Amino acid sequence: MKALVLKKYSKSAPLIEFCDVAKPKIKPHEMLVQVYAVGLNPIDNMIPSGMFKPVLKFQLPATLGSDLAGVVTEVGSQVKRFKPGDEIFASIFDRGIGSLAEFAVVPENTAALKPANLNFVQAASIPMVGLTSWQALQEVANIQPGQKVFIPAGSGGIGSFAIQLAKHFGANVSTTTSTRNLEWVKGLGADKVIDYTKEDFQRTLQAYDMVLGTTRGDAIEQALGILKPGGKVVSLVGPLDAAFAEKRGLNFLLKFVFGLMSRKVIGLAKQRSVHYSFLFVRPDAVQLMEVGKLLEAERIKPVIDRVFSFDQAKDALAYLAQGRAKGKVVVEII
């Protein structure tokens, strides 16, 4: 079968090629899925750089991609919830396997039935942004109705979903975007949209309950200043912290290194009586089913910027890396 394979890590020029590889074998708790579409995420470009080499299970050569939607063709002996012919969507991130291929192995505990009102492209755009938003807003921050949430980069893949989910939870949501996307982002439900080319969010926002850290650079440290005492920053972009290393069971050296990396932001957070944490999303079938219910009820809608063919998968990754997509970038396999 055809797959997009990472053969060599490199910060500047990773070796990524289309290859003919053997159709994977499944274990008792796994399914073989014919992949119809793959949603791309920023981490799909970070992995080839070697940035997450110390903490991920990837062994090269490895098929790239994490999110998928497709049809079950075979189930393992211990699979209970699915049968051949079922249409599913899933994130297989952090499982040492990839989705940018004609077939993929999908553990049962990562998958949910595809919402009936979505096509495969729409469904493939959801898993990682849906799970990340759910885990950040529900698990970590426990957002309650009426609380104030700041979600920067509202037009991006994660921002465009997280805004909708935060509104579903009853939050008052603020975001940032460029001038040309102001009205478009307002249409997602944001209560306040800041044009970052003209305004500084630090001067505009105050007394927030949560910040979802989606942008790199100094933005995380700057966001600490808009939180009320007891508020939370949940960062998706780092710095990684010792708590993350502990949860992953990493060695002492990595715990020490990540502790140093996050020491400044954690210190600043303590000074302001707020809390900083780094979130590394995990696949979760139960949460994905909950997200699927919201999609079927049209409480949340997929937001897709561009769809590429499988042959254009490398171009799709390059386009995503530009950071200009409004919503998700999806590769259509079939």
C-alpha atoms as a PDB file:
ATOM      1  CA  MET A   1       0.000   0.000   0.000  1.00  0.00           C
ATOM      2  CA  LYS A   2       1.034   3.629  -0.470  1.00  0.00           C
ATOM      3  CA  ALA A   3       2.075   5.706   2.554  1.00  0.00           C
ATOM      4  CA  LEU A   4       3.827   9.007   3.280  1.00  0.00           C
ATOM      5  CA  VAL A   5       6.860   7.981   5.303  1.00  0.00           C
ATOM      6  CA  LEU A   6       9.343   9.892   7.457  1.00  0.00           C
ATOM      7  CA  LYS A   7      12.784   8.363   6.945  1.00  0.00           C
ATOM      8  CA  LYS A   8      15.097  10.899   8.587  1.00  0.00           C
ATOM      9  CA  TYR A   9      14.672  13.639  11.172  1.00  0.00           C
ATOM     10  CA  SER A  10      15.982  17.104  10.342  1.00  0.00           C
ATOM     11  CA  LYS A  11      15.137  20.626  11.491  1.00  0.00           C
ATOM     12  CA  SER A  12      15.663  22.044   7.993  1.00  0.00           C
ATOM     13  CA  ALA A  13      15.115  19.206   5.520  1.00  0.00           C
ATOM     14  CA  PRO A  14      13.590  16.006   6.906  1.00  0.00           C
ATOM     15  CA  LEU A  15      13.480  13.077   4.503  1.00  0.00           C
ATOM     16  CA  ILE A  16       9.812  12.418   3.719  1.00  0.00           C
ATOM     17  CA  GLU A  17       8.846  10.179   0.806  1.00  0.00           C
ATOM     18  CA  PHE A  18       5.912   8.253  -0.614  1.00  0.00           C
ATOM     19  CA  CYS A  19       6.651   4.538  -0.246  1.00  0.00           C
ATOM     20  CA  ASP A  20       5.049   1.204  -0.952  1.00  0.00           C
ATOM     21  CA  VAL A  21       4.775  -0.519   2.401  1.00  0.00           C
ATOM     22  CA  ALA A  22       3.165  -3.729   3.591  1.00  0.00           C
ATOM     23  CA  LYS A  23      -0.451  -3.538   4.713  1.00  0.00           C
ATOM     24  CA  PRO A  24      -0.266  -3.521   8.515  1.00  0.00           C
ATOM     25  CA  LYS A  25      -1.267  -6.447  10.718  1.00  0.00           C
ATOM     26  CA  ILE A  26      -3.684  -5.871  13.563  1.00  0.00           C
ATOM     27  CA  LYS A  27      -3.629  -7.012  17.181  1.00  0.00           C
ATOM     28  CA  PRO A  28      -6.707  -8.278  19.056  1.00  0.00           C
ATOM     29  CA  HIS A  29      -7.770  -4.800  20.261  1.00  0.00           C
ATOM     30  CA  GLU A  30      -7.154  -3.098  16.916  1.00  0.00           C
ATOM     31  CA  MET A  31      -8.940  -2.511  13.607  1.00  0.00           C
ATOM     32  CA  LEU A  32      -7.687  -2.205  10.050  1.00  0.00           C
ATOM     33  CA  VAL A  33      -9.240   0.867   8.472  1.00  0.00           C
ATOM     34  CA  GLN A  34      -9.284   1.935   4.848  1.00  0.00           C
ATOM     35  CA  VAL A  35      -8.400   5.598   5.110  1.00  0.00           C
ATOM     36  CA  TYR A  36     -10.598   8.036   3.202  1.00  0.00           C
ATOM     37  CA  ALA A  37      -9.257  11.315   4.584  1.00  0.00           C
ATOM     38  CA  VAL A  38      -6.586  12.602   6.970  1.00  0.00           C
ATOM     39  CA  GLY A  39      -6.743  15.836   8.945  1.00  0.00           C
ATOM     40  CA  LEU A  40      -3.366  17.538   9.358  1.00  0.00           C
ATOM     41  CA  ASN A  41      -2.166  19.189  12.551  1.00  0.00           C
ATOM     42  CA  PRO A  42       0.852  21.394  13.359  1.00  0.00           C
ATOM     43  CA  ILE A  43       2.535  18.528  15.195  1.00  0.00           C
ATOM     44  CA  ASP A  44       2.645  16.598  11.904  1.00  0.00           C
ATOM     45  CA  ASN A  45       5.271  19.147  10.845  1.00  0.00           C
ATOM     46  CA  MET A  46       6.995  19.234  14.240  1.00  0.00           C
ATOM     47  CA  ILE A  47       7.595  15.479  14.404  1.00  0.00           C
ATOM     48  CA  PRO A  48       9.852  15.345  11.297  1.00  0.00           C
ATOM     49  CA  SER A  49      12.047  18.076  12.803  1.00  0.00           C
ATOM     50  CA  GLY A  50      12.895  15.757  15.687  1.00  0.00           C
ATOM     51  CA  MET A  51      11.410  18.187  18.209  1.00  0.00           C
ATOM     52  CA  PHE A  52       9.404  15.464  19.964  1.00  0.00           C
ATOM     53  CA  LYS A  53      11.841  12.610  19.380  1.00  0.00           C
ATOM     54  CA  PRO A  54      12.588  12.186  23.117  1.00  0.00           C
ATOM     55  CA  VAL A  55       8.921  11.814  24.078  1.00  0.00           C
ATOM     56  CA  LEU A  56       7.117  10.089  21.189  1.00  0.00           C
ATOM     57  CA  LYS A  57       7.042   6.407  20.246  1.00  0.00           C
ATOM     58  CA  PHE A  58       7.960   6.901  16.584  1.00  0.00           C
ATOM     59  CA  GLN A  59      10.550   4.499  15.171  1.00  0.00           C
ATOM     60  CA  LEU A  60      11.829   5.399  11.707  1.00  0.00           C
ATOM     61  CA  PRO A  61      10.859   4.777   9.014  1.00  0.00           C
ATOM     62  CA  ALA A  62       7.369   5.768  10.144  1.00  0.00           C
ATOM     63  CA  THR A  63       4.128   6.736   8.448  1.00  0.00           C
ATOM     64  CA  LEU A  64       3.149  10.341   9.196  1.00  0.00           C
ATOM     65  CA  GLY A  65      -0.280  11.637  10.205  1.00  0.00           C
ATOM     66  CA  SER A  66      -2.493  11.295  13.269  1.00  0.00           C
ATOM     67  CA  ASP A  67      -6.151  12.004  12.428  1.00  0.00           C
ATOM     68  CA  LEU A  68      -8.263   9.980  10.024  1.00  0.00           C
ATOM     69  CA  ALA A  69     -11.712   9.044   8.853  1.00  0.00           C
ATOM     70  CA  GLY A  70     -12.419   5.844   6.986  1.00  0.00           C
ATOM     71  CA  VAL A  71     -14.120   2.451   6.824  1.00  0.00           C
ATOM     72  CA  VAL A  72     -13.334  -0.549   9.019  1.00  0.00           C
ATOM     73  CA  THR A  73     -12.216  -3.516   6.901  1.00  0.00           C
ATOM     74  CA  GLU A  74     -11.072  -5.914   9.616  1.00  0.00           C
ATOM     75  CA  VAL A  75     -11.437  -6.146  13.400  1.00  0.00           C
ATOM     76  CA  GLY A  76      -9.340  -7.902  16.019  1.00  0.00           C
ATOM     77  CA  SER A  77     -10.738 -10.676  18.190  1.00  0.00           C
ATOM     78  CA  GLN A  78     -11.200  -8.363  21.202  1.00  0.00           C
ATOM     79  CA  VAL A  79     -12.886  -5.480  19.384  1.00  0.00           C
ATOM     80  CA  LYS A  80     -16.454  -5.108  20.660  1.00  0.00           C
ATOM     81  CA  ARG A  81     -17.819  -1.778  19.412  1.00  0.00           C
ATOM     82  CA  PHE A  82     -17.094  -1.982  15.685  1.00  0.00           C
ATOM     83  CA  LYS A  83     -17.529  -4.315  12.742  1.00  0.00           C
ATOM     84  CA  PRO A  84     -16.326  -4.332   9.127  1.00  0.00           C
ATOM     85  CA  GLY A  85     -18.142  -1.670   7.124  1.00  0.00           C
ATOM     86  CA  ASP A  86     -18.448   0.813   9.990  1.00  0.00           C
ATOM     87  CA  GLU A  87     -17.501   4.391   9.157  1.00  0.00           C
ATOM     88  CA  ILE A  88     -15.249   5.772  11.882  1.00  0.00           C
ATOM     89  CA  PHE A  89     -13.056   8.720  12.775  1.00  0.00           C
ATOM     90  CA  ALA A  90     -10.117   8.676  15.173  1.00  0.00           C
ATOM     91  CA  SER A  91      -6.867  10.150  16.372  1.00  0.00           C
ATOM     92  CA  ILE A  92      -4.007   7.649  16.521  1.00  0.00           C
ATOM     93  CA  PHE A  93      -1.537  10.251  17.736  1.00  0.00           C
ATOM     94  CA  ASP A  94       1.210   8.983  20.063  1.00  0.00           C
ATOM     95  CA  ARG A  95       0.563   5.335  19.189  1.00  0.00           C
ATOM     96  CA  GLY A  96       3.700   4.871  17.068  1.00  0.00           C
ATOM     97  CA  ILE A  97       1.573   4.474  13.936  1.00  0.00           C
ATOM     98  CA  GLY A  98       0.458   6.905  11.229  1.00  0.00           C
ATOM     99  CA  SER A  99      -2.606   7.731   9.156  1.00  0.00           C
ATOM    100  CA  LEU A 100      -1.249   9.164   5.878  1.00  0.00           C
ATOM    101  CA  ALA A 101      -1.651   5.840   4.099  1.00  0.00           C
ATOM    102  CA  GLU A 102      -4.217   3.817   2.208  1.00  0.00           C
ATOM    103  CA  PHE A 103      -4.806   1.669   5.307  1.00  0.00           C
ATOM    104  CA  ALA A 104      -4.141   2.333   8.986  1.00  0.00           C
ATOM    105  CA  VAL A 105      -4.227   0.413  12.240  1.00  0.00           C
ATOM    106  CA  VAL A 106      -6.688   1.993  14.667  1.00  0.00           C
ATOM    107  CA  PRO A 107      -6.929   0.834  18.304  1.00  0.00           C
ATOM    108  CA  GLU A 108     -10.556   0.465  19.359  1.00  0.00           C
ATOM    109  CA  ASN A 109     -10.098   2.865  22.292  1.00  0.00           C
ATOM    110  CA  THR A 110      -9.188   5.730  19.952  1.00  0.00           C
ATOM    111  CA  ALA A 111     -12.150   5.544  17.568  1.00  0.00           C
ATOM    112  CA  ALA A 112     -15.765   6.663  17.352  1.00  0.00           C
ATOM    113  CA  LEU A 113     -18.446   6.221  14.723  1.00  0.00           C
ATOM    114  CA  LYS A 114     -18.323   9.007  12.163  1.00  0.00           C
ATOM    115  CA  PRO A 115     -21.122  11.538  12.688  1.00  0.00           C
ATOM    116  CA  ALA A 116     -23.764  10.680  10.099  1.00  0.00           C
ATOM    117  CA  ASN A 117     -24.124  14.278   8.921  1.00  0.00           C
ATOM    118  CA  LEU A 118     -20.417  14.662   8.105  1.00  0.00           C
ATOM    119  CA  ASN A 119     -18.539  13.404   5.073  1.00  0.00           C
ATOM    120  CA  PHE A 120     -15.130  11.777   5.493  1.00  0.00           C
ATOM    121  CA  VAL A 121     -13.196  14.995   4.850  1.00  0.00           C
ATOM    122  CA  GLN A 122     -15.189  16.872   7.478  1.00  0.00           C
ATOM    123  CA  ALA A 123     -14.860  14.045  10.002  1.00  0.00           C
ATOM    124  CA  ALA A 124     -11.103  13.738   9.468  1.00  0.00           C
ATOM    125  CA  SER A 125     -10.679  17.412  10.370  1.00  0.00           C
ATOM    126  CA  ILE A 126     -11.990  16.898  13.897  1.00  0.00           C
ATOM    127  CA  PRO A 127     -10.197  14.379  16.156  1.00  0.00           C
ATOM    128  CA  MET A 128      -7.086  16.165  17.413  1.00  0.00           C
ATOM    129  CA  VAL A 129      -8.583  19.663  17.610  1.00  0.00           C
ATOM    130  CA  GLY A 130     -11.725  18.235  19.165  1.00  0.00           C
ATOM    131  CA  LEU A 131      -9.882  16.200  21.786  1.00  0.00           C
ATOM    132  CA  THR A 132      -7.386  18.965  22.534  1.00  0.00           C
ATOM    133  CA  SER A 133     -10.162  21.504  23.057  1.00  0.00           C
ATOM    134  CA  TRP A 134     -12.210  19.104  25.182  1.00  0.00           C
ATOM    135  CA  GLN A 135      -9.285  18.129  27.402  1.00  0.00           C
ATOM    136  CA  ALA A 136      -8.115  21.722  27.864  1.00  0.00           C
ATOM    137  CA  LEU A 137     -11.507  23.284  28.525  1.00  0.00           C
ATOM    138  CA  GLN A 138     -13.239  20.432  30.336  1.00  0.00           C
ATOM    139  CA  GLU A 139     -10.574  18.336  32.058  1.00  0.00           C
ATOM    140  CA  VAL A 140      -7.893  20.871  32.930  1.00  0.00           C
ATOM    141  CA  ALA A 141      -9.763  24.173  33.238  1.00  0.00           C
ATOM    142  CA  ASN A 142     -13.247  22.841  34.093  1.00  0.00           C
ATOM    143  CA  ILE A 143     -14.823  25.837  32.363  1.00  0.00           C
ATOM    144  CA  GLN A 144     -18.166  26.903  33.813  1.00  0.00           C
ATOM    145  CA  PRO A 145     -20.955  29.027  32.266  1.00  0.00           C
ATOM    146  CA  GLY A 146     -20.144  32.713  32.427  1.00  0.00           C
ATOM    147  CA  GLN A 147     -16.397  32.313  32.826  1.00  0.00           C
ATOM    148  CA  LYS A 148     -14.076  34.285  30.565  1.00  0.00           C
ATOM    149  CA  VAL A 149     -11.785  32.397  28.182  1.00  0.00           C
ATOM    150  CA  PHE A 150      -9.116  33.800  25.869  1.00  0.00           C
ATOM    151  CA  ILE A 151      -8.332  31.674  22.805  1.00  0.00           C
ATOM    152  CA  PRO A 152      -5.692  33.373  20.604  1.00  0.00           C
ATOM    153  CA  ALA A 153      -5.463  32.737  16.850  1.00  0.00           C
ATOM    154  CA  GLY A 154      -9.177  32.209  16.419  1.00  0.00           C
ATOM    155  CA  SER A 155      -8.998  31.508  12.690  1.00  0.00           C
ATOM    156  CA  GLY A 156      -6.609  28.557  13.037  1.00  0.00           C
ATOM    157  CA  GLY A 157      -7.464  24.880  13.204  1.00  0.00           C
ATOM    158  CA  ILE A 158      -7.526  24.646  16.988  1.00  0.00           C
ATOM    159  CA  GLY A 159      -8.884  28.154  17.553  1.00  0.00           C
ATOM    160  CA  SER A 160     -11.834  27.758  15.209  1.00  0.00           C
ATOM    161  CA  PHE A 161     -12.922  24.601  17.042  1.00  0.00           C
ATOM    162  CA  ALA A 162     -12.094  25.681  20.603  1.00  0.00           C
ATOM    163  CA  ILE A 163     -14.119  28.881  20.263  1.00  0.00           C
ATOM    164  CA  GLN A 164     -17.210  26.875  19.348  1.00  0.00           C
ATOM    165  CA  LEU A 165     -16.682  24.357  22.153  1.00  0.00           C
ATOM    166  CA  ALA A 166     -16.064  27.045  24.774  1.00  0.00           C
ATOM    167  CA  LYS A 167     -19.307  28.758  23.729  1.00  0.00           C
ATOM    168  CA  HIS A 168     -21.095  25.415  24.061  1.00  0.00           C
ATOM    169  CA  PHE A 169     -19.821  25.238  27.643  1.00  0.00           C
ATOM    170  CA  GLY A 170     -21.285  28.696  28.248  1.00  0.00           C
ATOM    171  CA  ALA A 171     -18.042  30.691  28.368  1.00  0.00           C
ATOM    172  CA  ASN A 172     -17.534  34.285  27.312  1.00  0.00           C
ATOM    173  CA  VAL A 173     -14.858  33.965  24.626  1.00  0.00           C
ATOM    174  CA  SER A 174     -12.281  36.428  23.329  1.00  0.00           C
ATOM    175  CA  THR A 175      -9.813  35.786  20.528  1.00  0.00           C
ATOM    176  CA  THR A 176      -7.350  37.412  18.142  1.00  0.00           C
ATOM    177  CA  THR A 177      -7.064  37.394  14.375  1.00  0.00           C
ATOM    178  CA  SER A 178      -5.957  39.574  11.468  1.00  0.00           C
ATOM    179  CA  THR A 179      -8.053  42.356   9.957  1.00  0.00           C
ATOM    180  CA  ARG A 180      -9.274  40.282   7.023  1.00  0.00           C
ATOM    181  CA  ASN A 181     -10.627  37.526   9.294  1.00  0.00           C
ATOM    182  CA  LEU A 182     -12.443  39.653  11.888  1.00  0.00           C
ATOM    183  CA  GLU A 183     -16.002  39.079  10.700  1.00  0.00           C
ATOM    184  CA  TRP A 184     -15.329  35.457   9.830  1.00  0.00           C
ATOM    185  CA  VAL A 185     -14.107  34.695  13.355  1.00  0.00           C
ATOM    186  CA  LYS A 186     -17.050  36.571  14.883  1.00  0.00           C
ATOM    187  CA  GLY A 187     -19.233  34.141  12.956  1.00  0.00           C
ATOM    188  CA  LEU A 188     -17.732  31.269  14.982  1.00  0.00           C
ATOM    189  CA  GLY A 189     -19.345  32.769  18.080  1.00  0.00           C
ATOM    190  CA  ALA A 190     -16.520  34.727  19.721  1.00  0.00           C
ATOM    191  CA  ASP A 191     -17.813  37.521  21.964  1.00  0.00           C
ATOM    192  CA  LYS A 192     -14.779  39.755  21.469  1.00  0.00           C
ATOM    193  CA  VAL A 193     -12.404  39.624  18.505  1.00  0.00           C
ATOM    194  CA  ILE A 194      -9.166  41.621  18.666  1.00  0.00           C
ATOM    195  CA  ASP A 195      -7.330  42.646  15.523  1.00  0.00           C
ATOM    196  CA  TYR A 196      -3.767  41.799  16.559  1.00  0.00           C
ATOM    197  CA  THR A 197      -2.346  44.044  13.835  1.00  0.00           C
ATOM    198  CA  LYS A 198      -3.883  47.076  15.564  1.00  0.00           C
ATOM    199  CA  GLU A 199      -4.465  46.157  19.217  1.00  0.00           C
ATOM    200  CA  ASP A 200      -2.511  44.531  22.045  1.00  0.00           C
ATOM    201  CA  PHE A 201      -4.625  41.951  23.843  1.00  0.00           C
ATOM    202  CA  GLN A 202      -2.756  42.692  27.087  1.00  0.00           C
ATOM    203  CA  ARG A 203      -4.206  46.206  27.141  1.00  0.00           C
ATOM    204  CA  THR A 204      -7.698  45.128  26.157  1.00  0.00           C
ATOM    205  CA  LEU A 205      -8.411  42.031  28.265  1.00  0.00           C
ATOM    206  CA  GLN A 206      -8.440  41.569  32.026  1.00  0.00           C
ATOM    207  CA  ALA A 207      -9.717  39.268  34.793  1.00  0.00           C
ATOM    208  CA  TYR A 208      -9.901  36.134  32.630  1.00  0.00           C
ATOM    209  CA  ASP A 209     -10.423  32.651  34.024  1.00  0.00           C
ATOM    210  CA  MET A 210      -8.477  30.769  31.366  1.00  0.00           C
ATOM    211  CA  VAL A 211      -6.087  31.243  28.472  1.00  0.00           C
ATOM    212  CA  LEU A 212      -5.632  28.502  25.878  1.00  0.00           C
ATOM    213  CA  GLY A 213      -2.023  28.842  24.759  1.00  0.00           C
ATOM    214  CA  THR A 214      -1.966  28.339  20.999  1.00  0.00           C
ATOM    215  CA  THR A 215       0.786  30.709  19.824  1.00  0.00           C
ATOM    216  CA  ARG A 216       4.544  30.504  20.324  1.00  0.00           C
ATOM    217  CA  GLY A 217       7.022  33.147  21.430  1.00  0.00           C
ATOM    218  CA  ASP A 218       6.273  35.510  24.303  1.00  0.00           C
ATOM    219  CA  ALA A 219       2.492  35.136  24.048  1.00  0.00           C
ATOM    220  CA  ILE A 220       2.217  32.638  26.918  1.00  0.00           C
ATOM    221  CA  GLU A 221       4.080  34.861  29.375  1.00  0.00           C
ATOM    222  CA  GLN A 222       2.135  37.911  28.208  1.00  0.00           C
ATOM    223  CA  ALA A 223      -1.160  36.066  28.700  1.00  0.00           C
ATOM    224  CA  LEU A 224      -0.440  35.567  32.407  1.00  0.00           C
ATOM    225  CA  GLY A 225      -1.176  39.252  32.920  1.00  0.00           C
ATOM    226  CA  ILE A 226      -4.801  39.047  31.805  1.00  0.00           C
ATOM    227  CA  LEU A 227      -5.757  36.280  34.241  1.00  0.00           C
ATOM    228  CA  LYS A 228      -7.527  36.819  37.537  1.00  0.00           C
ATOM    229  CA  PRO A 229      -6.029  35.165  40.653  1.00  0.00           C
ATOM    230  CA  GLY A 230      -6.656  31.429  40.391  1.00  0.00           C
ATOM    231  CA  GLY A 231      -6.831  31.578  36.598  1.00  0.00           C
ATOM    232  CA  LYS A 232      -5.202  29.001  34.358  1.00  0.00           C
ATOM    233  CA  VAL A 233      -2.998  28.980  31.275  1.00  0.00           C
ATOM    234  CA  VAL A 234      -3.263  25.675  29.427  1.00  0.00           C
ATOM    235  CA  SER A 235      -0.489  25.709  26.831  1.00  0.00           C
ATOM    236  CA  LEU A 236      -0.493  23.559  23.708  1.00  0.00           C
ATOM    237  CA  VAL A 237       2.836  24.903  22.454  1.00  0.00           C
ATOM    238  CA  GLY A 238       5.121  24.717  25.491  1.00  0.00           C
ATOM    239  CA  PRO A 239       7.304  25.134  27.271  1.00  0.00           C
ATOM    240  CA  LEU A 240       7.135  21.512  28.382  1.00  0.00           C
ATOM    241  CA  ASP A 241       7.216  21.117  32.162  1.00  0.00           C
ATOM    242  CA  ALA A 242       8.343  18.575  34.747  1.00  0.00           C
ATOM    243  CA  ALA A 243       4.746  17.480  35.372  1.00  0.00           C
ATOM    244  CA  PHE A 244       4.512  16.451  31.711  1.00  0.00           C
ATOM    245  CA  ALA A 245       7.750  14.472  32.001  1.00  0.00           C
ATOM    246  CA  GLU A 246       6.469  12.774  35.153  1.00  0.00           C
ATOM    247  CA  LYS A 247       3.192  11.814  33.508  1.00  0.00           C
ATOM    248  CA  ARG A 248       5.043  10.366  30.505  1.00  0.00           C
ATOM    249  CA  GLY A 249       7.380   8.342  32.727  1.00  0.00           C
ATOM    250  CA  LEU A 250      10.441  10.049  31.253  1.00  0.00           C
ATOM    251  CA  ASN A 251      13.890   9.795  32.774  1.00  0.00           C
ATOM    252  CA  PHE A 252      15.359  12.112  35.399  1.00  0.00           C
ATOM    253  CA  LEU A 253      17.401  14.073  32.866  1.00  0.00           C
ATOM    254  CA  LEU A 254      14.330  14.982  30.798  1.00  0.00           C
ATOM    255  CA  LYS A 255      12.401  15.901  33.939  1.00  0.00           C
ATOM    256  CA  PHE A 256      15.258  18.215  34.865  1.00  0.00           C
ATOM    257  CA  VAL A 257      15.504  19.725  31.365  1.00  0.00           C
ATOM    258  CA  PHE A 258      11.757  20.323  31.061  1.00  0.00           C
ATOM    259  CA  GLY A 259      11.752  21.797  34.545  1.00  0.00           C
ATOM    260  CA  LEU A 260      14.392  24.294  33.460  1.00  0.00           C
ATOM    261  CA  MET A 261      12.492  25.075  30.260  1.00  0.00           C
ATOM    262  CA  SER A 262       9.326  25.962  32.150  1.00  0.00           C
ATOM    263  CA  ARG A 263      10.907  27.509  35.250  1.00  0.00           C
ATOM    264  CA  LYS A 264      10.459  31.112  34.106  1.00  0.00           C
ATOM    265  CA  VAL A 265       6.795  30.869  33.085  1.00  0.00           C
ATOM    266  CA  ILE A 266       5.869  28.818  36.179  1.00  0.00           C
ATOM    267  CA  GLY A 267       7.646  31.371  38.381  1.00  0.00           C
ATOM    268  CA  LEU A 268       5.790  34.247  36.744  1.00  0.00           C
ATOM    269  CA  ALA A 269       2.517  32.361  37.115  1.00  0.00           C
ATOM    270  CA  LYS A 270       3.093  31.849  40.845  1.00  0.00           C
ATOM    271  CA  GLN A 271       3.862  35.547  41.282  1.00  0.00           C
ATOM    272  CA  ARG A 272       0.436  36.330  39.825  1.00  0.00           C
ATOM    273  CA  SER A 273      -1.331  33.526  41.743  1.00  0.00           C
ATOM    274  CA  VAL A 274      -2.264  31.735  38.519  1.00  0.00           C
ATOM    275  CA  HIS A 275      -1.488  28.253  37.232  1.00  0.00           C
ATOM    276  CA  TYR A 276       0.501  27.128  34.181  1.00  0.00           C
ATOM    277  CA  SER A 277       0.306  23.657  32.615  1.00  0.00           C
ATOM    278  CA  PHE A 278       1.328  22.055  29.329  1.00  0.00           C
ATOM    279  CA  LEU A 279      -1.235  19.820  27.628  1.00  0.00           C
ATOM    280  CA  PHE A 280      -0.206  16.899  25.429  1.00  0.00           C
ATOM    281  CA  VAL A 281      -3.384  15.578  23.865  1.00  0.00           C
ATOM    282  CA  ARG A 282      -4.245  11.902  24.183  1.00  0.00           C
ATOM    283  CA  PRO A 283      -6.595   9.829  22.010  1.00  0.00           C
ATOM    284  CA  ASP A 284      -9.850   9.069  23.831  1.00  0.00           C
ATOM    285  CA  ALA A 285     -12.803   7.308  22.237  1.00  0.00           C
ATOM    286  CA  VAL A 286     -15.311   8.383  24.905  1.00  0.00           C
ATOM    287  CA  GLN A 287     -14.479  12.056  24.523  1.00  0.00           C
ATOM    288  CA  LEU A 288     -14.499  11.755  20.741  1.00  0.00           C
ATOM    289  CA  MET A 289     -17.997  10.270  20.940  1.00  0.00           C
ATOM    290  CA  GLU A 290     -19.111  13.297  22.975  1.00  0.00           C
ATOM    291  CA  VAL A 291     -17.623  15.617  20.366  1.00  0.00           C
ATOM    292  CA  GLY A 292     -19.385  13.565  17.686  1.00  0.00           C
ATOM    293  CA  LYS A 293     -22.748  14.150  19.400  1.00  0.00           C
ATOM    294  CA  LEU A 294     -22.177  17.917  19.279  1.00  0.00           C
ATOM    295  CA  LEU A 295     -21.314  17.686  15.594  1.00  0.00           C
ATOM    296  CA  GLU A 296     -24.421  15.624  14.827  1.00  0.00           C
ATOM    297  CA  ALA A 297     -26.543  18.160  16.698  1.00  0.00           C
ATOM    298  CA  GLU A 298     -24.779  20.932  14.727  1.00  0.00           C
ATOM    299  CA  ARG A 299     -23.799  22.664  17.950  1.00  0.00           C
ATOM    300  CA  ILE A 300     -20.302  22.720  16.449  1.00  0.00           C
ATOM    301  CA  LYS A 301     -19.389  22.688  12.776  1.00  0.00           C
ATOM    302  CA  PRO A 302     -16.170  21.596  11.042  1.00  0.00           C
ATOM    303  CA  VAL A 303     -14.081  24.430   9.646  1.00  0.00           C
ATOM    304  CA  ILE A 304     -11.960  23.444   6.638  1.00  0.00           C
ATOM    305  CA  ASP A 305      -9.577  25.689   4.775  1.00  0.00           C
ATOM    306  CA  ARG A 306      -8.243  23.475   1.963  1.00  0.00           C
ATOM    307  CA  VAL A 307      -8.428  19.890   0.800  1.00  0.00           C
ATOM    308  CA  PHE A 308      -5.444  18.284  -0.944  1.00  0.00           C
ATOM    309  CA  SER A 309      -5.237  14.984  -2.830  1.00  0.00           C
ATOM    310  CA  PHE A 310      -3.061  12.185  -1.435  1.00  0.00           C
ATOM    311  CA  ASP A 311      -0.407  12.868  -4.070  1.00  0.00           C
ATOM    312  CA  GLN A 312      -0.266  16.450  -2.763  1.00  0.00           C
ATOM    313  CA  ALA A 313       0.217  15.450   0.882  1.00  0.00           C
ATOM    314  CA  LYS A 314       3.709  16.996   1.111  1.00  0.00           C
ATOM    315  CA  ASP A 315       2.324  20.222  -0.364  1.00  0.00           C
ATOM    316  CA  ALA A 316      -0.453  20.100   2.240  1.00  0.00           C
ATOM    317  CA  LEU A 317       2.099  19.875   5.057  1.00  0.00           C
ATOM    318  CA  ALA A 318       4.037  22.794   3.573  1.00  0.00           C
ATOM    319  CA  TYR A 319       0.861  24.861   3.286  1.00  0.00           C
ATOM    320  CA  LEU A 320      -0.066  24.107   6.899  1.00  0.00           C
ATOM    321  CA  ALA A 321       3.421  25.146   8.020  1.00  0.00           C
ATOM    322  CA  GLN A 322       2.806  28.664   6.673  1.00  0.00           C
ATOM    323  CA  GLY A 323       0.366  29.208   9.547  1.00  0.00           C
ATOM    324  CA  ARG A 324      -2.249  30.982   7.441  1.00  0.00           C
ATOM    325  CA  ALA A 325      -4.977  28.367   7.208  1.00  0.00           C
ATOM    326  CA  LYS A 326      -8.530  29.366   8.217  1.00  0.00           C
ATOM    327  CA  GLY A 327      -9.564  26.166   9.907  1.00  0.00           C
ATOM    328  CA  LYS A 328      -8.195  22.741   9.049  1.00  0.00           C
ATOM    329  CA  VAL A 329      -6.137  21.340   6.190  1.00  0.00           C
ATOM    330  CA  VAL A 330      -7.237  17.878   5.050  1.00  0.00           C
ATOM    331  CA  VAL A 331      -5.721  15.280   2.724  1.00  0.00           C
ATOM    332  CA  GLU A 332      -8.293  13.227   0.829  1.00  0.00           C
ATOM    333  CA  ILE A 333      -6.981   9.702   0.262  1.00  0.00           C
ATOM    334  CA  ILE A 334     -10.003   8.389  -1.665  1.00  0.00           C
END
